[in-house]
Structures are given as structure tokens and as C-alpha cells.
């Protein structure tokens, strides 16, 4: 474990941006298509899925990037001031500044929502998408399902305690402004202008983000090359050994597919 911690610590680089907080990232040089991992909400670049993909890319000689959003992990900035829009810009900064040529984006949960935005904004660069428990629109949808009284109370207090089992408090604290801003980035209300190959992996035992969201994404995107892979016993994090294997194999297949298309 000590070696692993050293490896993660020692190799962090920073993307400096004149008008925005610096982003922490780790980049592996290699051939294209490059792979970029987009973590989930309040997560960072050192998760199991990110490391498994890095090891896989390393063995294959493909370029790979994992990074932390503003206010998360080792990146600068204040988590409390973050918005979906700011994190979307983070993804575009990584794409624009650190990569050349076609990229496969792998987005986990919130990262799955952001990868859709990146594919819409950079169609020439994003060659394929892999979603793991894609949480498209999820925070907004969940908020809107609350009783009107609860929504009003959150608006008055300016804070929403979004229940979670991933921290000691048992909730993430989100501002009402965060939700309002997130509404501007909802994608499921109309056709999604993405035409590249898409693979959506989702666990049917996911108690955080319902697997039906992946079905909605598949339905809404314009791409014809879309596969949804449901794992009957899969949880939200999809970090069991078999889950990771499925993720790596899915990326591997897409690399082969893009090679034949090229």
C-alpha cells in the first residue's frame, strides 16, 4: 500500500489556468486514442476504476489522464463554490490543454453527466464514451421529486442536505444556487447531439443513481452505436473485481473498434 500511496503522491502535475483554479492531474504518455477518466461527485482521481484503467493503458501503451475537478482531491479551488458549469469547463480544459487527437472519455456517476457535455462541446475530439452509473441530470431530478414544501424550505435556507452513505455526516451539503445552476446543464429533456460510439454500464442494485437513467441516455443520444450493459448485482460504485474487468474490456473493445474505423 505504501508504494501505491507514493506513486499517487509523487506524480501529480498541475494544469495552470490564468482565470481558474489549477487542476491536479496525472498523465501517462502513449498512443491514441487516449483515455480520460472523469470521477464522480466529491470523488477524486485515485479511485479503483481510475487506477485500473491507468494500469491497463500502461500495459497497452495508450495515453491516459486522470484528474481532479476544481475543489476536489488535490486541485485548487473551493468545493462549496463549485457548479456543474465550472466542472464542465474543467473537463474541457483537460481535453483542450493536455490532449491531441481522439480521446475516449470514461465517466463515473457525475463524471458520466459531464462526459456527455464534453462530447457535445468537442465532437471532433471525443471519439467514444463509456459511462459507469451515469448520473445525467440526477441531482436536479432528485430535487424536483421532493415535496414542494421541502423544495421551498431548501430555497429559503439556501442549503440542501442531499443524503449519501459515502461520508460520516450521511449527507452532502449542496447550495440551492448549485441546483439552480445545474438546471442549465440538464440533457435528458431533448435529443442529445452526440453521434460517437457509447457504452453505458450500470448496476441494477445501484441505490444512488437508478439504472433507468442509462436507458434514458441511450434513448436520447443521436448515436446509433449505443450499448447498455446492466449488471444484475452491480452496486453504484461498480468497483468489484468483475466490474473493473468489464470496464477495462469495454474500453479495450472500443479501442479496437476505433482502430478499424480509422
C-alpha atoms as a PDB file:
ATOM      1  CA  UNK A   1       0.000   0.000   0.000  1.00  0.00           C
ATOM      2  CA  UNK A   2       2.862   2.359   0.875  1.00  0.00           C
ATOM      3  CA  UNK A   3       4.271   2.054  -2.647  1.00  0.00           C
ATOM      4  CA  UNK A   4       0.881   2.779  -4.134  1.00  0.00           C
ATOM      5  CA  UNK A   5       0.466   5.896  -1.987  1.00  0.00           C
ATOM      6  CA  UNK A   6       3.939   7.072  -3.038  1.00  0.00           C
ATOM      7  CA  UNK A   7       3.110   6.513  -6.667  1.00  0.00           C
ATOM      8  CA  UNK A   8      -0.117   8.524  -6.411  1.00  0.00           C
ATOM      9  CA  UNK A   9       1.506  11.368  -4.474  1.00  0.00           C
ATOM     10  CA  UNK A  10       4.746  11.687  -6.405  1.00  0.00           C
ATOM     11  CA  UNK A  11       3.371  12.018  -9.883  1.00  0.00           C
ATOM     12  CA  UNK A  12       0.704  14.708  -9.598  1.00  0.00           C
ATOM     13  CA  UNK A  13       1.063  17.551 -12.093  1.00  0.00           C
ATOM     14  CA  UNK A  14      -0.912  20.789 -12.214  1.00  0.00           C
ATOM     15  CA  UNK A  15      -2.612  22.420 -15.154  1.00  0.00           C
ATOM     16  CA  UNK A  16      -2.334  26.150 -14.507  1.00  0.00           C
ATOM     17  CA  UNK A  17      -5.100  28.341 -15.871  1.00  0.00           C
ATOM     18  CA  UNK A  18      -4.980  32.138 -15.814  1.00  0.00           C
ATOM     19  CA  UNK A  19      -8.606  32.683 -14.817  1.00  0.00           C
ATOM     20  CA  UNK A  20      -9.462  29.453 -12.974  1.00  0.00           C
ATOM     21  CA  UNK A  21      -8.101  27.293 -10.160  1.00  0.00           C
ATOM     22  CA  UNK A  22      -5.243  24.911 -11.020  1.00  0.00           C
ATOM     23  CA  UNK A  23      -6.246  21.329 -11.782  1.00  0.00           C
ATOM     24  CA  UNK A  24      -4.332  18.353 -10.411  1.00  0.00           C
ATOM     25  CA  UNK A  25      -3.828  15.561 -12.923  1.00  0.00           C
ATOM     26  CA  UNK A  26      -1.746  12.530 -13.718  1.00  0.00           C
ATOM     27  CA  UNK A  27      -0.843  11.858 -17.330  1.00  0.00           C
ATOM     28  CA  UNK A  28       0.569   8.796 -18.985  1.00  0.00           C
ATOM     29  CA  UNK A  29       2.116   9.372 -22.404  1.00  0.00           C
ATOM     30  CA  UNK A  30       1.166   6.929 -25.122  1.00  0.00           C
ATOM     31  CA  UNK A  31      -0.631   6.487 -28.380  1.00  0.00           C
ATOM     32  CA  UNK A  32      -4.154   7.455 -29.351  1.00  0.00           C
ATOM     33  CA  UNK A  33      -6.965   7.135 -28.744  1.00  0.00           C
ATOM     34  CA  UNK A  34      -6.125   8.478 -25.310  1.00  0.00           C
ATOM     35  CA  UNK A  35      -8.334   7.605 -22.356  1.00  0.00           C
ATOM     36  CA  UNK A  36      -9.543  10.229 -19.862  1.00  0.00           C
ATOM     37  CA  UNK A  37     -11.198   9.255 -16.583  1.00  0.00           C
ATOM     38  CA  UNK A  38     -13.845  11.610 -15.131  1.00  0.00           C
ATOM     39  CA  UNK A  39     -14.524  10.879 -11.438  1.00  0.00           C
ATOM     40  CA  UNK A  40     -17.856  11.026  -9.649  1.00  0.00           C
ATOM     41  CA  UNK A  41     -19.305  13.657  -7.312  1.00  0.00           C
ATOM     42  CA  UNK A  42     -16.975  14.517  -4.412  1.00  0.00           C
ATOM     43  CA  UNK A  43     -14.613  11.792  -5.630  1.00  0.00           C
ATOM     44  CA  UNK A  44     -11.027  12.087  -6.849  1.00  0.00           C
ATOM     45  CA  UNK A  45      -8.592  10.629  -9.360  1.00  0.00           C
ATOM     46  CA  UNK A  46      -7.263   7.934  -7.010  1.00  0.00           C
ATOM     47  CA  UNK A  47     -10.271   5.617  -7.105  1.00  0.00           C
ATOM     48  CA  UNK A  48     -10.091   1.953  -8.078  1.00  0.00           C
ATOM     49  CA  UNK A  49     -11.572   2.426 -11.539  1.00  0.00           C
ATOM     50  CA  UNK A  50      -9.119   5.222 -12.420  1.00  0.00           C
ATOM     51  CA  UNK A  51      -6.094   3.195 -11.281  1.00  0.00           C
ATOM     52  CA  UNK A  52      -7.295   0.023 -13.044  1.00  0.00           C
ATOM     53  CA  UNK A  53      -7.687   1.962 -16.302  1.00  0.00           C
ATOM     54  CA  UNK A  54      -4.281   3.562 -15.884  1.00  0.00           C
ATOM     55  CA  UNK A  55      -2.631   0.156 -15.406  1.00  0.00           C
ATOM     56  CA  UNK A  56      -4.473  -1.154 -18.460  1.00  0.00           C
ATOM     57  CA  UNK A  57      -3.428   1.823 -20.644  1.00  0.00           C
ATOM     58  CA  UNK A  58       0.139   1.492 -19.397  1.00  0.00           C
ATOM     59  CA  UNK A  59       0.269  -2.172 -20.439  1.00  0.00           C
ATOM     60  CA  UNK A  60      -1.200  -1.309 -23.846  1.00  0.00           C
ATOM     61  CA  UNK A  61       0.912   1.795 -24.473  1.00  0.00           C
ATOM     62  CA  UNK A  62      -2.084   4.128 -24.739  1.00  0.00           C
ATOM     63  CA  UNK A  63      -2.199   7.679 -23.388  1.00  0.00           C
ATOM     64  CA  UNK A  64      -4.195   8.114 -20.176  1.00  0.00           C
ATOM     65  CA  UNK A  65      -5.233  11.035 -17.974  1.00  0.00           C
ATOM     66  CA  UNK A  66      -6.950  11.095 -14.602  1.00  0.00           C
ATOM     67  CA  UNK A  67      -7.617  14.397 -12.838  1.00  0.00           C
ATOM     68  CA  UNK A  68      -9.455  16.143 -10.009  1.00  0.00           C
ATOM     69  CA  UNK A  69     -12.215  18.690 -10.566  1.00  0.00           C
ATOM     70  CA  UNK A  70     -11.912  22.163  -9.036  1.00  0.00           C
ATOM     71  CA  UNK A  71     -12.408  21.946  -5.270  1.00  0.00           C
ATOM     72  CA  UNK A  72     -11.877  18.176  -5.229  1.00  0.00           C
ATOM     73  CA  UNK A  73      -8.890  15.986  -4.384  1.00  0.00           C
ATOM     74  CA  UNK A  74      -5.572  17.785  -4.979  1.00  0.00           C
ATOM     75  CA  UNK A  75      -6.955  20.517  -7.259  1.00  0.00           C
ATOM     76  CA  UNK A  76      -7.204  24.138  -6.126  1.00  0.00           C
ATOM     77  CA  UNK A  77     -10.484  25.905  -5.524  1.00  0.00           C
ATOM     78  CA  UNK A  78     -13.320  25.713  -3.044  1.00  0.00           C
ATOM     79  CA  UNK A  79     -15.766  22.810  -3.286  1.00  0.00           C
ATOM     80  CA  UNK A  80     -18.557  24.975  -1.840  1.00  0.00           C
ATOM     81  CA  UNK A  81     -18.251  27.417  -4.749  1.00  0.00           C
ATOM     82  CA  UNK A  82     -18.338  24.750  -7.458  1.00  0.00           C
ATOM     83  CA  UNK A  83     -21.063  24.267 -10.040  1.00  0.00           C
ATOM     84  CA  UNK A  84     -21.772  21.768 -12.807  1.00  0.00           C
ATOM     85  CA  UNK A  85     -20.798  24.531 -15.258  1.00  0.00           C
ATOM     86  CA  UNK A  86     -17.380  25.020 -13.615  1.00  0.00           C
ATOM     87  CA  UNK A  87     -16.695  21.284 -13.595  1.00  0.00           C
ATOM     88  CA  UNK A  88     -17.757  21.077 -17.241  1.00  0.00           C
ATOM     89  CA  UNK A  89     -15.137  23.735 -18.003  1.00  0.00           C
ATOM     90  CA  UNK A  90     -12.566  21.678 -16.067  1.00  0.00           C
ATOM     91  CA  UNK A  91     -13.181  18.721 -18.379  1.00  0.00           C
ATOM     92  CA  UNK A  92     -12.842  20.951 -21.447  1.00  0.00           C
ATOM     93  CA  UNK A  93      -9.590  22.444 -20.067  1.00  0.00           C
ATOM     94  CA  UNK A  94      -8.128  18.951 -19.694  1.00  0.00           C
ATOM     95  CA  UNK A  95      -9.266  18.000 -23.217  1.00  0.00           C
ATOM     96  CA  UNK A  96      -8.038  21.217 -24.832  1.00  0.00           C
ATOM     97  CA  UNK A  97      -4.754  21.711 -22.988  1.00  0.00           C
ATOM     98  CA  UNK A  98      -3.468  18.205 -22.340  1.00  0.00           C
ATOM     99  CA  UNK A  99      -4.563  16.052 -25.272  1.00  0.00           C
ATOM    100  CA  UNK A 100      -4.038  15.781 -29.009  1.00  0.00           C
ATOM    101  CA  UNK A 101      -6.156  13.633 -31.262  1.00  0.00           C
ATOM    102  CA  UNK A 102      -9.089  11.360 -30.474  1.00  0.00           C
ATOM    103  CA  UNK A 103      -9.999  10.568 -26.858  1.00  0.00           C
ATOM    104  CA  UNK A 104     -12.255   8.050 -25.144  1.00  0.00           C
ATOM    105  CA  UNK A 105     -13.929   9.572 -22.093  1.00  0.00           C
ATOM    106  CA  UNK A 106     -14.808   7.277 -19.195  1.00  0.00           C
ATOM    107  CA  UNK A 107     -17.222   8.980 -16.812  1.00  0.00           C
ATOM    108  CA  UNK A 108     -18.307   7.630 -13.446  1.00  0.00           C
ATOM    109  CA  UNK A 109     -21.629   8.857 -11.998  1.00  0.00           C
ATOM    110  CA  UNK A 110     -21.439  12.696 -12.143  1.00  0.00           C
ATOM    111  CA  UNK A 111     -18.470  12.210 -14.492  1.00  0.00           C
ATOM    112  CA  UNK A 112     -20.883  10.438 -16.834  1.00  0.00           C
ATOM    113  CA  UNK A 113     -23.061  13.554 -16.951  1.00  0.00           C
ATOM    114  CA  UNK A 114     -20.024  15.746 -17.617  1.00  0.00           C
ATOM    115  CA  UNK A 115     -18.655  13.454 -20.349  1.00  0.00           C
ATOM    116  CA  UNK A 116     -21.906  13.974 -22.293  1.00  0.00           C
ATOM    117  CA  UNK A 117     -21.326  17.739 -22.139  1.00  0.00           C
ATOM    118  CA  UNK A 118     -17.729  17.327 -23.277  1.00  0.00           C
ATOM    119  CA  UNK A 119     -18.828  15.174 -26.231  1.00  0.00           C
ATOM    120  CA  UNK A 120     -21.387  17.809 -27.244  1.00  0.00           C
ATOM    121  CA  UNK A 121     -18.818  20.632 -26.953  1.00  0.00           C
ATOM    122  CA  UNK A 122     -15.872  18.810 -28.593  1.00  0.00           C
ATOM    123  CA  UNK A 123     -17.307  16.377 -31.167  1.00  0.00           C
ATOM    124  CA  UNK A 124     -14.068  16.315 -33.180  1.00  0.00           C
ATOM    125  CA  UNK A 125     -12.026  15.274 -30.184  1.00  0.00           C
ATOM    126  CA  UNK A 126     -14.294  12.890 -28.277  1.00  0.00           C
ATOM    127  CA  UNK A 127     -14.186   9.631 -30.223  1.00  0.00           C
ATOM    128  CA  UNK A 128     -16.190   7.442 -27.816  1.00  0.00           C
ATOM    129  CA  UNK A 129     -17.828   7.455 -24.387  1.00  0.00           C
ATOM    130  CA  UNK A 130     -18.016   4.906 -21.588  1.00  0.00           C
ATOM    131  CA  UNK A 131     -20.391   5.674 -18.737  1.00  0.00           C
ATOM    132  CA  UNK A 132     -20.397   3.898 -15.389  1.00  0.00           C
ATOM    133  CA  UNK A 133     -23.634   4.576 -13.476  1.00  0.00           C
ATOM    134  CA  UNK A 134     -24.182   7.781 -15.486  1.00  0.00           C
ATOM    135  CA  UNK A 135     -25.897  10.364 -13.282  1.00  0.00           C
ATOM    136  CA  UNK A 136     -27.225  12.639 -16.044  1.00  0.00           C
ATOM    137  CA  UNK A 137     -29.490  15.364 -14.543  1.00  0.00           C
ATOM    138  CA  UNK A 138     -29.684  13.249 -11.394  1.00  0.00           C
ATOM    139  CA  UNK A 139     -29.236  15.953  -8.734  1.00  0.00           C
ATOM    140  CA  UNK A 140     -31.829  18.150 -10.418  1.00  0.00           C
ATOM    141  CA  UNK A 141     -34.287  15.291 -10.970  1.00  0.00           C
ATOM    142  CA  UNK A 142     -33.953  14.210  -7.340  1.00  0.00           C
ATOM    143  CA  UNK A 143     -34.520  17.766  -6.124  1.00  0.00           C
ATOM    144  CA  UNK A 144     -37.629  18.160  -8.264  1.00  0.00           C
ATOM    145  CA  UNK A 145     -39.085  14.935  -6.846  1.00  0.00           C
ATOM    146  CA  UNK A 146     -39.040  16.420  -3.330  1.00  0.00           C
ATOM    147  CA  UNK A 147     -42.369  17.663  -1.956  1.00  0.00           C
ATOM    148  CA  UNK A 148     -42.976  21.329  -2.790  1.00  0.00           C
ATOM    149  CA  UNK A 149     -42.701  22.268   0.925  1.00  0.00           C
ATOM    150  CA  UNK A 150     -39.253  20.679   1.105  1.00  0.00           C
ATOM    151  CA  UNK A 151     -38.137  22.484  -2.052  1.00  0.00           C
ATOM    152  CA  UNK A 152     -39.354  25.804  -0.639  1.00  0.00           C
ATOM    153  CA  UNK A 153     -37.542  25.192   2.643  1.00  0.00           C
ATOM    154  CA  UNK A 154     -34.297  24.457   0.784  1.00  0.00           C
ATOM    155  CA  UNK A 155     -34.746  27.620  -1.261  1.00  0.00           C
ATOM    156  CA  UNK A 156     -35.255  29.706   1.918  1.00  0.00           C
ATOM    157  CA  UNK A 157     -32.357  28.118   3.810  1.00  0.00           C
ATOM    158  CA  UNK A 158     -30.164  28.157   0.707  1.00  0.00           C
ATOM    159  CA  UNK A 159     -28.910  24.654   1.531  1.00  0.00           C
ATOM    160  CA  UNK A 160     -29.870  21.104   0.583  1.00  0.00           C
ATOM    161  CA  UNK A 161     -28.615  18.187   2.615  1.00  0.00           C
ATOM    162  CA  UNK A 162     -28.501  15.534  -0.086  1.00  0.00           C
ATOM    163  CA  UNK A 163     -28.491  12.091   1.597  1.00  0.00           C
ATOM    164  CA  UNK A 164     -25.461   9.880   0.956  1.00  0.00           C
ATOM    165  CA  UNK A 165     -23.841   6.840   2.515  1.00  0.00           C
ATOM    166  CA  UNK A 166     -20.365   7.875   1.364  1.00  0.00           C
ATOM    167  CA  UNK A 167     -19.423  10.186   4.218  1.00  0.00           C
ATOM    168  CA  UNK A 168     -19.755  10.315   8.004  1.00  0.00           C
ATOM    169  CA  UNK A 169     -22.331  13.101   8.044  1.00  0.00           C
ATOM    170  CA  UNK A 170     -24.699  10.994   5.945  1.00  0.00           C
ATOM    171  CA  UNK A 171     -25.302  13.853   3.509  1.00  0.00           C
ATOM    172  CA  UNK A 172     -23.611  16.163   1.015  1.00  0.00           C
ATOM    173  CA  UNK A 173     -24.335  19.812   1.585  1.00  0.00           C
ATOM    174  CA  UNK A 174     -25.392  21.494  -1.657  1.00  0.00           C
ATOM    175  CA  UNK A 175     -26.441  25.089  -2.076  1.00  0.00           C
ATOM    176  CA  UNK A 176     -29.762  25.994  -3.626  1.00  0.00           C
ATOM    177  CA  UNK A 177     -27.752  28.019  -6.156  1.00  0.00           C
ATOM    178  CA  UNK A 178     -25.883  24.825  -7.138  1.00  0.00           C
ATOM    179  CA  UNK A 179     -29.190  23.166  -8.051  1.00  0.00           C
ATOM    180  CA  UNK A 180     -30.443  26.218  -9.928  1.00  0.00           C
ATOM    181  CA  UNK A 181     -27.210  26.365 -11.946  1.00  0.00           C
ATOM    182  CA  UNK A 182     -27.312  22.609 -12.594  1.00  0.00           C
ATOM    183  CA  UNK A 183     -30.724  23.011 -14.247  1.00  0.00           C
ATOM    184  CA  UNK A 184     -28.945  24.801 -17.125  1.00  0.00           C
ATOM    185  CA  UNK A 185     -26.995  21.612 -17.818  1.00  0.00           C
ATOM    186  CA  UNK A 186     -29.805  19.063 -17.941  1.00  0.00           C
ATOM    187  CA  UNK A 187     -29.602  16.886 -21.048  1.00  0.00           C
ATOM    188  CA  UNK A 188     -32.435  14.385 -20.841  1.00  0.00           C
ATOM    189  CA  UNK A 189     -35.278  16.735 -21.806  1.00  0.00           C
ATOM    190  CA  UNK A 190     -34.452  16.661 -25.519  1.00  0.00           C
ATOM    191  CA  UNK A 191     -32.361  14.753 -28.074  1.00  0.00           C
ATOM    192  CA  UNK A 192     -28.649  14.739 -27.163  1.00  0.00           C
ATOM    193  CA  UNK A 193     -26.452  15.689 -30.146  1.00  0.00           C
ATOM    194  CA  UNK A 194     -23.778  13.011 -29.709  1.00  0.00           C
ATOM    195  CA  UNK A 195     -23.014  10.620 -32.571  1.00  0.00           C
ATOM    196  CA  UNK A 196     -19.910   8.708 -31.394  1.00  0.00           C
ATOM    197  CA  UNK A 197     -19.974   5.126 -30.030  1.00  0.00           C
ATOM    198  CA  UNK A 198     -21.310   4.966 -26.468  1.00  0.00           C
ATOM    199  CA  UNK A 199     -21.187   2.188 -23.846  1.00  0.00           C
ATOM    200  CA  UNK A 200     -23.225   2.586 -20.675  1.00  0.00           C
ATOM    201  CA  UNK A 201     -22.540   0.237 -17.761  1.00  0.00           C
ATOM    202  CA  UNK A 202     -24.932   0.290 -14.803  1.00  0.00           C
ATOM    203  CA  UNK A 203     -25.574  -1.892 -11.766  1.00  0.00           C
ATOM    204  CA  UNK A 204     -29.186  -2.876 -11.159  1.00  0.00           C
ATOM    205  CA  UNK A 205     -28.559  -2.790  -7.403  1.00  0.00           C
ATOM    206  CA  UNK A 206     -27.468   0.854  -7.639  1.00  0.00           C
ATOM    207  CA  UNK A 207     -29.326   2.600  -4.795  1.00  0.00           C
ATOM    208  CA  UNK A 208     -27.846   6.043  -5.625  1.00  0.00           C
ATOM    209  CA  UNK A 209     -28.462   6.523  -9.343  1.00  0.00           C
ATOM    210  CA  UNK A 210     -31.226   4.384 -10.893  1.00  0.00           C
ATOM    211  CA  UNK A 211     -30.103   2.270 -13.862  1.00  0.00           C
ATOM    212  CA  UNK A 212     -33.061   3.629 -15.836  1.00  0.00           C
ATOM    213  CA  UNK A 213     -31.031   6.842 -16.323  1.00  0.00           C
ATOM    214  CA  UNK A 214     -28.590   4.938 -18.543  1.00  0.00           C
ATOM    215  CA  UNK A 215     -31.571   3.735 -20.585  1.00  0.00           C
ATOM    216  CA  UNK A 216     -32.788   7.330 -20.939  1.00  0.00           C
ATOM    217  CA  UNK A 217     -29.352   8.475 -22.098  1.00  0.00           C
ATOM    218  CA  UNK A 218     -29.237   5.642 -24.645  1.00  0.00           C
ATOM    219  CA  UNK A 219     -32.663   6.655 -25.873  1.00  0.00           C
ATOM    220  CA  UNK A 220     -31.865  10.381 -26.132  1.00  0.00           C
ATOM    221  CA  UNK A 221     -28.451  10.360 -27.858  1.00  0.00           C
ATOM    222  CA  UNK A 222     -28.433  10.583 -31.644  1.00  0.00           C
ATOM    223  CA  UNK A 223     -25.715   7.919 -31.931  1.00  0.00           C
ATOM    224  CA  UNK A 224     -26.867   4.569 -33.315  1.00  0.00           C
ATOM    225  CA  UNK A 225     -23.881   2.752 -31.828  1.00  0.00           C
ATOM    226  CA  UNK A 226     -25.031   2.520 -28.225  1.00  0.00           C
ATOM    227  CA  UNK A 227     -24.860  -0.463 -25.871  1.00  0.00           C
ATOM    228  CA  UNK A 228     -26.290  -0.540 -22.368  1.00  0.00           C
ATOM    229  CA  UNK A 229     -24.744  -3.179 -20.117  1.00  0.00           C
ATOM    230  CA  UNK A 230     -26.746  -3.891 -16.961  1.00  0.00           C
ATOM    231  CA  UNK A 231     -25.165  -5.867 -14.143  1.00  0.00           C
ATOM    232  CA  UNK A 232     -27.809  -7.565 -12.070  1.00  0.00           C
ATOM    233  CA  UNK A 233     -25.838  -7.496  -8.825  1.00  0.00           C
ATOM    234  CA  UNK A 234     -23.843  -4.321  -9.570  1.00  0.00           C
ATOM    235  CA  UNK A 235     -23.782  -1.545  -6.943  1.00  0.00           C
ATOM    236  CA  UNK A 236     -23.276   2.169  -7.579  1.00  0.00           C
ATOM    237  CA  UNK A 237     -19.503   2.228  -7.352  1.00  0.00           C
ATOM    238  CA  UNK A 238     -19.025  -0.769  -9.641  1.00  0.00           C
ATOM    239  CA  UNK A 239     -15.607  -1.446  -8.110  1.00  0.00           C
ATOM    240  CA  UNK A 240     -15.782  -5.198  -7.559  1.00  0.00           C
ATOM    241  CA  UNK A 241     -13.100  -7.135  -9.418  1.00  0.00           C
ATOM    242  CA  UNK A 242     -15.567  -8.369 -12.054  1.00  0.00           C
ATOM    243  CA  UNK A 243     -16.958  -4.847 -12.532  1.00  0.00           C
ATOM    244  CA  UNK A 244     -13.477  -3.432 -13.145  1.00  0.00           C
ATOM    245  CA  UNK A 245     -12.756  -6.236 -15.599  1.00  0.00           C
ATOM    246  CA  UNK A 246     -15.931  -5.399 -17.504  1.00  0.00           C
ATOM    247  CA  UNK A 247     -14.959  -1.714 -17.628  1.00  0.00           C
ATOM    248  CA  UNK A 248     -11.456  -2.463 -18.914  1.00  0.00           C
ATOM    249  CA  UNK A 249     -12.774  -4.927 -21.514  1.00  0.00           C
ATOM    250  CA  UNK A 250     -15.342  -2.377 -22.679  1.00  0.00           C
ATOM    251  CA  UNK A 251     -12.619   0.250 -23.196  1.00  0.00           C
ATOM    252  CA  UNK A 252     -10.423  -2.341 -24.912  1.00  0.00           C
ATOM    253  CA  UNK A 253     -13.214  -3.194 -27.380  1.00  0.00           C
ATOM    254  CA  UNK A 254     -13.750   0.483 -28.177  1.00  0.00           C
ATOM    255  CA  UNK A 255     -10.031   0.995 -28.857  1.00  0.00           C
ATOM    256  CA  UNK A 256     -10.193  -1.900 -31.359  1.00  0.00           C
ATOM    257  CA  UNK A 257     -13.370  -0.510 -32.888  1.00  0.00           C
ATOM    258  CA  UNK A 258     -11.886   2.972 -33.369  1.00  0.00           C
ATOM    259  CA  UNK A 259      -8.796   1.414 -34.970  1.00  0.00           C
ATOM    260  CA  UNK A 260     -10.952  -0.310 -37.587  1.00  0.00           C
ATOM    261  CA  UNK A 261     -12.997   2.859 -38.166  1.00  0.00           C
ATOM    262  CA  UNK A 262      -9.818   4.876 -38.704  1.00  0.00           C
END
